[in-house]
Amino acid sequence: MPTTKKEDFYFGMMMCFGMVVVMTCYNLIRNGLIGTIPLQGLLMQFVLGFIIAFLLELFIVGPVAKKIALSLPYDKSKKAFVILSISFCMVIGMVLCMSLYGLVTAYFSNGLAGKPLLETYFSFVFNNFIFAFPLQLIIMGPLVRFLFSKFVKGKKMTESFS
């Protein structure tokens, strides 16, 4: 887990990158858009989605989620409980925000065609949450923590001994 602002920045960037890649692919597949959007459009969507997700995580969702997760009544001496509570709060916040981003992009690309906005938004939230939460807990969270400890924390340790 990150202990400094710099480490928190790198950890957030790694987590956002992984989640945006997988969630973008998931939503493209779920909406039947694989093969219909040119590669340049896909890359632009990914870059824009990553920038928005990272800024949300860094300045809005991340701080609020950590504050809420750490204010909940549980034993904070157990690292697993802290990780689970922060992950849960982060996924909820990011799904709510990024589903709104998805709704806006779908609206402007005429992908909604008269569908009710509120109903479509809650459909996006539901479909994204049921995929993002297990993805975060089972795959991306452990993978990013492993890579973070190996390359970011490990690098810091070797630099301090030099």
N, C-alpha and C. Protein backbone atom coordinates (compact mmCIF):
# COMPACT_ATOMS: atom_id res chain seq x y z
N MET A 1 0.85 -1.19 0.00
CA MET A 1 0.00 0.00 0.00
C MET A 1 0.89 1.25 0.00
N PRO A 2 0.43 2.28 -0.70
CA PRO A 2 1.23 3.51 -0.74
C PRO A 2 1.28 4.21 0.62
N THR A 3 2.43 4.81 0.90
CA THR A 3 2.59 5.51 2.17
C THR A 3 2.89 7.00 1.99
N THR A 4 3.29 7.41 0.79
CA THR A 4 3.57 8.82 0.51
C THR A 4 2.66 9.31 -0.61
N LYS A 5 2.62 10.62 -0.82
CA LYS A 5 1.82 11.20 -1.91
C LYS A 5 2.31 10.72 -3.26
N LYS A 6 3.63 10.62 -3.42
CA LYS A 6 4.20 10.15 -4.69
C LYS A 6 3.81 8.70 -4.95
N GLU A 7 3.91 7.86 -3.93
CA GLU A 7 3.51 6.46 -4.07
C GLU A 7 2.01 6.35 -4.35
N ASP A 8 1.22 7.18 -3.69
CA ASP A 8 -0.22 7.19 -3.91
C ASP A 8 -0.54 7.55 -5.36
N PHE A 9 0.22 8.50 -5.92
CA PHE A 9 0.06 8.91 -7.31
C PHE A 9 0.34 7.73 -8.25
N TYR A 10 1.47 7.06 -8.04
CA TYR A 10 1.83 5.91 -8.89
C TYR A 10 0.84 4.76 -8.74
N PHE A 11 0.44 4.48 -7.51
CA PHE A 11 -0.52 3.41 -7.27
C PHE A 11 -1.84 3.71 -7.97
N GLY A 12 -2.32 4.94 -7.83
CA GLY A 12 -3.57 5.34 -8.48
C GLY A 12 -3.47 5.27 -9.99
N MET A 13 -2.33 5.67 -10.54
CA MET A 13 -2.14 5.61 -11.98
C MET A 13 -2.16 4.16 -12.47
N MET A 14 -1.49 3.29 -11.76
CA MET A 14 -1.46 1.88 -12.14
C MET A 14 -2.86 1.26 -12.06
N MET A 15 -3.56 1.55 -10.98
CA MET A 15 -4.90 0.99 -10.79
C MET A 15 -5.86 1.52 -11.85
N CYS A 16 -5.82 2.83 -12.10
CA CYS A 16 -6.70 3.41 -13.12
C CYS A 16 -6.40 2.84 -14.50
N PHE A 17 -5.13 2.71 -14.83
CA PHE A 17 -4.77 2.18 -16.14
C PHE A 17 -5.37 0.78 -16.33
N GLY A 18 -5.15 -0.09 -15.37
CA GLY A 18 -5.66 -1.45 -15.48
C GLY A 18 -7.18 -1.51 -15.53
N MET A 19 -7.82 -0.77 -14.64
CA MET A 19 -9.28 -0.80 -14.61
C MET A 19 -9.89 -0.19 -15.87
N VAL A 20 -9.30 0.89 -16.37
CA VAL A 20 -9.85 1.52 -17.58
C VAL A 20 -9.68 0.61 -18.79
N VAL A 21 -8.53 -0.06 -18.90
CA VAL A 21 -8.33 -0.98 -20.03
C VAL A 21 -9.40 -2.08 -20.00
N VAL A 22 -9.55 -2.74 -18.86
CA VAL A 22 -10.47 -3.87 -18.78
C VAL A 22 -11.92 -3.40 -18.87
N MET A 23 -12.28 -2.32 -18.19
CA MET A 23 -13.67 -1.85 -18.23
C MET A 23 -14.04 -1.31 -19.61
N THR A 24 -13.09 -0.70 -20.32
CA THR A 24 -13.36 -0.25 -21.68
C THR A 24 -13.65 -1.44 -22.58
N CYS A 25 -12.82 -2.47 -22.49
CA CYS A 25 -13.05 -3.69 -23.28
C CYS A 25 -14.39 -4.32 -22.93
N TYR A 26 -14.69 -4.40 -21.63
CA TYR A 26 -15.96 -4.98 -21.17
C TYR A 26 -17.15 -4.24 -21.77
N ASN A 27 -17.11 -2.90 -21.70
CA ASN A 27 -18.24 -2.12 -22.21
C ASN A 27 -18.33 -2.18 -23.73
N LEU A 28 -17.21 -2.25 -24.42
CA LEU A 28 -17.25 -2.39 -25.88
C LEU A 28 -17.87 -3.73 -26.26
N ILE A 29 -17.48 -4.79 -25.58
CA ILE A 29 -18.03 -6.11 -25.86
C ILE A 29 -19.51 -6.16 -25.49
N ARG A 30 -19.85 -5.64 -24.31
CA ARG A 30 -21.24 -5.68 -23.84
C ARG A 30 -22.18 -4.92 -24.77
N ASN A 31 -21.69 -3.85 -25.38
CA ASN A 31 -22.52 -3.05 -26.27
C ASN A 31 -22.36 -3.41 -27.74
N GLY A 32 -21.60 -4.47 -28.02
CA GLY A 32 -21.43 -4.93 -29.40
C GLY A 32 -20.70 -3.95 -30.29
N LEU A 33 -19.73 -3.25 -29.73
CA LEU A 33 -19.02 -2.23 -30.50
C LEU A 33 -17.63 -2.66 -30.98
N ILE A 34 -17.21 -3.87 -30.63
CA ILE A 34 -15.92 -4.36 -31.11
C ILE A 34 -16.03 -4.54 -32.63
N GLY A 35 -15.11 -3.96 -33.35
CA GLY A 35 -15.12 -4.07 -34.80
C GLY A 35 -15.88 -2.96 -35.50
N THR A 36 -16.68 -2.19 -34.76
CA THR A 36 -17.43 -1.10 -35.40
C THR A 36 -16.76 0.25 -35.20
N ILE A 37 -15.90 0.35 -34.21
CA ILE A 37 -15.19 1.60 -33.95
C ILE A 37 -13.76 1.45 -34.46
N PRO A 38 -13.27 2.41 -35.24
CA PRO A 38 -11.88 2.31 -35.73
C PRO A 38 -10.87 2.37 -34.58
N LEU A 39 -9.70 1.81 -34.81
CA LEU A 39 -8.66 1.75 -33.78
C LEU A 39 -8.33 3.14 -33.23
N GLN A 40 -8.27 4.13 -34.08
CA GLN A 40 -7.98 5.49 -33.63
C GLN A 40 -9.05 5.98 -32.66
N GLY A 41 -10.31 5.67 -32.93
CA GLY A 41 -11.41 6.04 -32.04
C GLY A 41 -11.32 5.32 -30.71
N LEU A 42 -10.94 4.03 -30.75
CA LEU A 42 -10.78 3.25 -29.52
C LEU A 42 -9.67 3.84 -28.66
N LEU A 43 -8.55 4.16 -29.28
CA LEU A 43 -7.43 4.74 -28.52
C LEU A 43 -7.81 6.08 -27.92
N MET A 44 -8.53 6.89 -28.69
CA MET A 44 -8.95 8.19 -28.18
C MET A 44 -9.90 8.01 -26.99
N GLN A 45 -10.84 7.06 -27.10
CA GLN A 45 -11.77 6.77 -26.00
C GLN A 45 -11.01 6.31 -24.77
N PHE A 46 -10.03 5.43 -24.98
CA PHE A 46 -9.25 4.93 -23.85
C PHE A 46 -8.48 6.06 -23.17
N VAL A 47 -7.79 6.88 -23.96
CA VAL A 47 -6.99 7.97 -23.38
C VAL A 47 -7.88 8.95 -22.63
N LEU A 48 -9.00 9.34 -23.23
CA LEU A 48 -9.91 10.27 -22.57
C LEU A 48 -10.49 9.64 -21.30
N GLY A 49 -10.90 8.37 -21.39
CA GLY A 49 -11.43 7.67 -20.22
C GLY A 49 -10.39 7.56 -19.11
N PHE A 50 -9.14 7.27 -19.49
CA PHE A 50 -8.08 7.18 -18.48
C PHE A 50 -7.84 8.52 -17.80
N ILE A 51 -7.77 9.58 -18.58
CA ILE A 51 -7.53 10.91 -18.00
C ILE A 51 -8.64 11.28 -17.03
N ILE A 52 -9.88 11.08 -17.44
CA ILE A 52 -11.01 11.41 -16.57
C ILE A 52 -11.01 10.53 -15.32
N ALA A 53 -10.81 9.23 -15.49
CA ALA A 53 -10.80 8.31 -14.35
C ALA A 53 -9.66 8.67 -13.38
N PHE A 54 -8.49 8.97 -13.91
CA PHE A 54 -7.36 9.28 -13.04
C PHE A 54 -7.59 10.58 -12.27
N LEU A 55 -8.11 11.60 -12.94
CA LEU A 55 -8.39 12.85 -12.26
C LEU A 55 -9.47 12.68 -11.19
N LEU A 56 -10.50 11.90 -11.51
CA LEU A 56 -11.54 11.60 -10.52
C LEU A 56 -10.94 10.87 -9.32
N GLU A 57 -10.14 9.85 -9.60
CA GLU A 57 -9.54 9.05 -8.53
C GLU A 57 -8.61 9.90 -7.67
N LEU A 58 -7.84 10.76 -8.30
CA LEU A 58 -6.84 11.54 -7.59
C LEU A 58 -7.45 12.66 -6.74
N PHE A 59 -8.45 13.35 -7.28
CA PHE A 59 -8.94 14.56 -6.62
C PHE A 59 -10.31 14.44 -5.96
N ILE A 60 -11.16 13.53 -6.41
CA ILE A 60 -12.52 13.49 -5.87
C ILE A 60 -12.82 12.15 -5.22
N VAL A 61 -12.90 11.10 -6.02
CA VAL A 61 -13.35 9.80 -5.51
C VAL A 61 -12.35 9.22 -4.52
N GLY A 62 -11.07 9.27 -4.84
CA GLY A 62 -10.06 8.70 -3.95
C GLY A 62 -10.08 9.26 -2.54
N PRO A 63 -9.95 10.59 -2.41
CA PRO A 63 -9.98 11.17 -1.06
C PRO A 63 -11.29 10.91 -0.31
N VAL A 64 -12.43 11.02 -1.00
CA VAL A 64 -13.72 10.79 -0.34
C VAL A 64 -13.86 9.33 0.06
N ALA A 65 -13.48 8.42 -0.83
CA ALA A 65 -13.59 6.98 -0.54
C ALA A 65 -12.71 6.60 0.65
N LYS A 66 -11.49 7.12 0.69
CA LYS A 66 -10.60 6.81 1.82
C LYS A 66 -11.15 7.37 3.13
N LYS A 67 -11.68 8.58 3.06
CA LYS A 67 -12.24 9.19 4.27
C LYS A 67 -13.42 8.37 4.79
N ILE A 68 -14.31 7.96 3.89
CA ILE A 68 -15.47 7.16 4.28
C ILE A 68 -15.03 5.79 4.79
N ALA A 69 -14.14 5.14 4.04
CA ALA A 69 -13.70 3.79 4.41
C ALA A 69 -12.99 3.78 5.76
N LEU A 70 -12.20 4.79 6.04
CA LEU A 70 -11.47 4.82 7.30
C LEU A 70 -12.32 5.31 8.47
N SER A 71 -13.50 5.86 8.17
CA SER A 71 -14.40 6.29 9.25
C SER A 71 -15.38 5.19 9.65
N LEU A 72 -15.43 4.10 8.90
CA LEU A 72 -16.32 2.99 9.22
C LEU A 72 -15.83 2.26 10.46
N PRO A 73 -16.76 1.69 11.24
CA PRO A 73 -16.36 1.00 12.47
C PRO A 73 -15.92 -0.45 12.21
N TYR A 74 -14.62 -0.66 12.10
CA TYR A 74 -14.03 -1.99 11.97
C TYR A 74 -12.61 -1.92 12.50
N ASP A 75 -11.98 -3.07 12.65
CA ASP A 75 -10.62 -3.15 13.20
C ASP A 75 -9.61 -2.74 12.12
N LYS A 76 -9.10 -1.52 12.21
CA LYS A 76 -8.18 -0.99 11.21
C LYS A 76 -6.77 -1.54 11.34
N SER A 77 -6.53 -2.33 12.37
CA SER A 77 -5.22 -2.96 12.50
C SER A 77 -5.09 -4.14 11.54
N LYS A 78 -6.20 -4.61 11.02
CA LYS A 78 -6.19 -5.71 10.05
C LYS A 78 -6.15 -5.12 8.65
N LYS A 79 -5.01 -5.30 7.98
CA LYS A 79 -4.77 -4.70 6.66
C LYS A 79 -5.83 -5.13 5.64
N ALA A 80 -6.28 -6.38 5.72
CA ALA A 80 -7.28 -6.88 4.76
C ALA A 80 -8.59 -6.10 4.85
N PHE A 81 -9.01 -5.75 6.06
CA PHE A 81 -10.24 -4.99 6.22
C PHE A 81 -10.10 -3.59 5.63
N VAL A 82 -8.95 -2.98 5.83
CA VAL A 82 -8.70 -1.64 5.28
C VAL A 82 -8.73 -1.70 3.76
N ILE A 83 -8.05 -2.67 3.17
CA ILE A 83 -8.01 -2.82 1.71
C ILE A 83 -9.41 -3.05 1.17
N LEU A 84 -10.18 -3.96 1.80
CA LEU A 84 -11.54 -4.25 1.33
C LEU A 84 -12.45 -3.04 1.43
N SER A 85 -12.39 -2.31 2.52
CA SER A 85 -13.29 -1.17 2.69
C SER A 85 -12.93 -0.04 1.71
N ILE A 86 -11.64 0.22 1.53
CA ILE A 86 -11.24 1.26 0.57
C ILE A 86 -11.61 0.83 -0.85
N SER A 87 -11.37 -0.43 -1.19
CA SER A 87 -11.70 -0.93 -2.52
C SER A 87 -13.20 -0.81 -2.79
N PHE A 88 -14.01 -1.20 -1.82
CA PHE A 88 -15.45 -1.14 -1.98
C PHE A 88 -15.90 0.31 -2.22
N CYS A 89 -15.43 1.22 -1.41
CA CYS A 89 -15.81 2.63 -1.56
C CYS A 89 -15.30 3.22 -2.87
N MET A 90 -14.10 2.84 -3.27
CA MET A 90 -13.54 3.32 -4.54
C MET A 90 -14.37 2.82 -5.72
N VAL A 91 -14.70 1.55 -5.71
CA VAL A 91 -15.47 0.99 -6.83
C VAL A 91 -16.83 1.67 -6.93
N ILE A 92 -17.50 1.87 -5.80
CA ILE A 92 -18.80 2.55 -5.84
C ILE A 92 -18.66 3.94 -6.44
N GLY A 93 -17.71 4.72 -5.94
CA GLY A 93 -17.52 6.08 -6.44
C GLY A 93 -17.13 6.13 -7.90
N MET A 94 -16.19 5.28 -8.29
CA MET A 94 -15.74 5.29 -9.68
C MET A 94 -16.82 4.79 -10.63
N VAL A 95 -17.59 3.78 -10.22
CA VAL A 95 -18.67 3.28 -11.08
C VAL A 95 -19.73 4.36 -11.27
N LEU A 96 -20.09 5.06 -10.20
CA LEU A 96 -21.09 6.12 -10.32
C LEU A 96 -20.61 7.23 -11.26
N CYS A 97 -19.36 7.63 -11.11
CA CYS A 97 -18.82 8.71 -11.94
C CYS A 97 -18.55 8.27 -13.38
N MET A 98 -17.91 7.14 -13.55
CA MET A 98 -17.56 6.70 -14.90
C MET A 98 -18.78 6.22 -15.68
N SER A 99 -19.83 5.78 -15.00
CA SER A 99 -21.07 5.45 -15.71
C SER A 99 -21.73 6.73 -16.23
N LEU A 100 -21.57 7.81 -15.49
CA LEU A 100 -22.05 9.11 -15.96
C LEU A 100 -21.25 9.54 -17.20
N TYR A 101 -19.95 9.32 -17.16
CA TYR A 101 -19.11 9.60 -18.33
C TYR A 101 -19.56 8.76 -19.52
N GLY A 102 -19.85 7.49 -19.29
CA GLY A 102 -20.33 6.62 -20.35
C GLY A 102 -21.68 7.07 -20.90
N LEU A 103 -22.55 7.54 -20.03
CA LEU A 103 -23.85 8.04 -20.45
C LEU A 103 -23.68 9.28 -21.34
N VAL A 104 -22.80 10.18 -20.94
CA VAL A 104 -22.57 11.40 -21.72
C VAL A 104 -21.98 11.06 -23.09
N THR A 105 -20.99 10.17 -23.12
CA THR A 105 -20.41 9.81 -24.42
C THR A 105 -21.42 9.07 -25.30
N ALA A 106 -22.25 8.22 -24.71
CA ALA A 106 -23.29 7.54 -25.48
C ALA A 106 -24.31 8.53 -26.01
N TYR A 107 -24.66 9.51 -25.20
CA TYR A 107 -25.64 10.53 -25.59
C TYR A 107 -25.11 11.33 -26.79
N PHE A 108 -23.86 11.76 -26.71
CA PHE A 108 -23.31 12.59 -27.78
C PHE A 108 -22.95 11.80 -29.03
N SER A 109 -22.85 10.50 -28.92
CA SER A 109 -22.60 9.69 -30.12
C SER A 109 -23.92 9.10 -30.64
N ASN A 110 -25.04 9.62 -30.16
CA ASN A 110 -26.39 9.19 -30.57
C ASN A 110 -26.63 7.71 -30.28
N GLY A 111 -25.99 7.18 -29.26
CA GLY A 111 -26.16 5.78 -28.92
C GLY A 111 -27.35 5.51 -28.02
N LEU A 112 -28.06 6.55 -27.60
CA LEU A 112 -29.19 6.35 -26.70
C LEU A 112 -30.53 6.33 -27.43
N ALA A 113 -30.63 7.04 -28.53
CA ALA A 113 -31.80 7.03 -29.43
C ALA A 113 -33.13 6.97 -28.69
N GLY A 114 -33.41 7.99 -27.89
CA GLY A 114 -34.71 8.09 -27.24
C GLY A 114 -34.89 7.28 -25.98
N LYS A 115 -33.85 6.62 -25.50
CA LYS A 115 -33.96 5.86 -24.25
C LYS A 115 -33.98 6.84 -23.08
N PRO A 116 -34.72 6.52 -22.01
CA PRO A 116 -34.73 7.42 -20.84
C PRO A 116 -33.35 7.48 -20.18
N LEU A 117 -32.88 8.70 -19.93
CA LEU A 117 -31.53 8.90 -19.40
C LEU A 117 -31.33 8.27 -18.03
N LEU A 118 -32.26 8.48 -17.12
CA LEU A 118 -32.10 7.96 -15.76
C LEU A 118 -32.09 6.44 -15.74
N GLU A 119 -32.98 5.84 -16.50
CA GLU A 119 -33.03 4.38 -16.59
C GLU A 119 -31.73 3.83 -17.21
N THR A 120 -31.26 4.50 -18.24
CA THR A 120 -30.01 4.08 -18.90
C THR A 120 -28.83 4.23 -17.96
N TYR A 121 -28.79 5.33 -17.19
CA TYR A 121 -27.70 5.54 -16.24
C TYR A 121 -27.66 4.43 -15.20
N PHE A 122 -28.80 4.10 -14.61
CA PHE A 122 -28.83 3.04 -13.59
C PHE A 122 -28.51 1.67 -14.19
N SER A 123 -28.87 1.47 -15.44
CA SER A 123 -28.48 0.24 -16.13
C SER A 123 -26.96 0.18 -16.28
N PHE A 124 -26.35 1.31 -16.67
CA PHE A 124 -24.89 1.38 -16.78
C PHE A 124 -24.24 1.10 -15.43
N VAL A 125 -24.76 1.74 -14.38
CA VAL A 125 -24.20 1.57 -13.03
C VAL A 125 -24.27 0.10 -12.62
N PHE A 126 -25.42 -0.52 -12.80
CA PHE A 126 -25.59 -1.92 -12.40
C PHE A 126 -24.62 -2.82 -13.17
N ASN A 127 -24.60 -2.69 -14.49
CA ASN A 127 -23.74 -3.55 -15.31
C ASN A 127 -22.26 -3.32 -15.03
N ASN A 128 -21.88 -2.08 -14.79
CA ASN A 128 -20.48 -1.80 -14.50
C ASN A 128 -20.08 -2.27 -13.10
N PHE A 129 -20.97 -2.11 -12.13
CA PHE A 129 -20.64 -2.53 -10.76
C PHE A 129 -20.46 -4.04 -10.67
N ILE A 130 -21.37 -4.81 -11.30
CA ILE A 130 -21.26 -6.27 -11.17
C ILE A 130 -20.00 -6.82 -11.83
N PHE A 131 -19.40 -6.04 -12.72
CA PHE A 131 -18.14 -6.47 -13.32
C PHE A 131 -16.93 -5.85 -12.59
N ALA A 132 -17.04 -4.56 -12.24
CA ALA A 132 -15.90 -3.84 -11.67
C ALA A 132 -15.54 -4.30 -10.27
N PHE A 133 -16.53 -4.61 -9.44
CA PHE A 133 -16.23 -4.98 -8.06
C PHE A 133 -15.43 -6.28 -7.96
N PRO A 134 -15.87 -7.37 -8.60
CA PRO A 134 -15.03 -8.58 -8.57
C PRO A 134 -13.68 -8.39 -9.27
N LEU A 135 -13.70 -7.62 -10.36
CA LEU A 135 -12.44 -7.34 -11.08
C LEU A 135 -11.44 -6.66 -10.14
N GLN A 136 -11.92 -5.68 -9.40
CA GLN A 136 -11.06 -4.94 -8.47
C GLN A 136 -10.56 -5.84 -7.34
N LEU A 137 -11.46 -6.62 -6.73
CA LEU A 137 -11.09 -7.43 -5.57
C LEU A 137 -10.24 -8.64 -5.93
N ILE A 138 -10.57 -9.30 -7.01
CA ILE A 138 -9.95 -10.59 -7.32
C ILE A 138 -8.74 -10.48 -8.24
N ILE A 139 -8.79 -9.56 -9.20
CA ILE A 139 -7.73 -9.51 -10.21
C ILE A 139 -6.88 -8.24 -10.10
N MET A 140 -7.51 -7.09 -10.35
CA MET A 140 -6.73 -5.86 -10.49
C MET A 140 -6.09 -5.40 -9.18
N GLY A 141 -6.82 -5.46 -8.08
CA GLY A 141 -6.26 -5.03 -6.79
C GLY A 141 -5.01 -5.82 -6.42
N PRO A 142 -5.10 -7.17 -6.37
CA PRO A 142 -3.90 -7.94 -6.04
C PRO A 142 -2.77 -7.77 -7.05
N LEU A 143 -3.11 -7.70 -8.34
CA LEU A 143 -2.09 -7.53 -9.38
C LEU A 143 -1.36 -6.20 -9.23
N VAL A 144 -2.11 -5.13 -9.05
CA VAL A 144 -1.49 -3.81 -8.93
C VAL A 144 -0.69 -3.71 -7.63
N ARG A 145 -1.20 -4.28 -6.52
CA ARG A 145 -0.43 -4.25 -5.27
C ARG A 145 0.87 -5.02 -5.42
N PHE A 146 0.84 -6.15 -6.14
CA PHE A 146 2.06 -6.93 -6.38
C PHE A 146 3.05 -6.12 -7.23
N LEU A 147 2.58 -5.58 -8.35
CA LEU A 147 3.46 -4.80 -9.23
C LEU A 147 3.97 -3.55 -8.53
N PHE A 148 3.11 -2.91 -7.75
CA PHE A 148 3.50 -1.72 -7.00
C PHE A 148 4.61 -2.05 -6.01
N SER A 149 4.45 -3.14 -5.26
CA SER A 149 5.46 -3.50 -4.25
C SER A 149 6.76 -3.93 -4.93
N LYS A 150 6.67 -4.53 -6.10
CA LYS A 150 7.86 -5.01 -6.79
C LYS A 150 8.64 -3.88 -7.47
N PHE A 151 7.91 -2.96 -8.13
CA PHE A 151 8.59 -1.95 -8.94
C PHE A 151 8.66 -0.57 -8.30
N VAL A 152 7.66 -0.17 -7.54
CA VAL A 152 7.68 1.16 -6.94
C VAL A 152 8.29 1.10 -5.54
N LYS A 153 7.74 0.26 -4.67
CA LYS A 153 8.27 0.12 -3.31
C LYS A 153 9.66 -0.50 -3.35
N GLY A 154 9.87 -1.51 -4.19
CA GLY A 154 11.16 -2.18 -4.31
C GLY A 154 12.24 -1.24 -4.79
N LYS A 155 11.88 -0.37 -5.74
CA LYS A 155 12.82 0.62 -6.28
C LYS A 155 13.23 1.61 -5.19
N LYS A 156 12.26 2.02 -4.37
CA LYS A 156 12.53 2.96 -3.29
C LYS A 156 13.50 2.35 -2.27
N MET A 157 13.29 1.06 -1.97
CA MET A 157 14.14 0.38 -1.00
C MET A 157 15.58 0.27 -1.50
N THR A 158 15.77 -0.06 -2.78
CA THR A 158 17.13 -0.21 -3.31
C THR A 158 17.81 1.15 -3.42
N GLU A 159 17.04 2.22 -3.73
CA GLU A 159 17.64 3.55 -3.80
C GLU A 159 18.10 4.03 -2.43
N SER A 160 17.38 3.68 -1.38
CA SER A 160 17.75 4.14 -0.06
C SER A 160 19.00 3.45 0.47
N PHE A 161 19.31 2.25 -0.04
CA PHE A 161 20.52 1.55 0.38
C PHE A 161 21.75 1.96 -0.42
N SER A 162 21.57 2.65 -1.55
CA SER A 162 22.71 3.04 -2.40
C SER A 162 23.46 4.21 -1.83
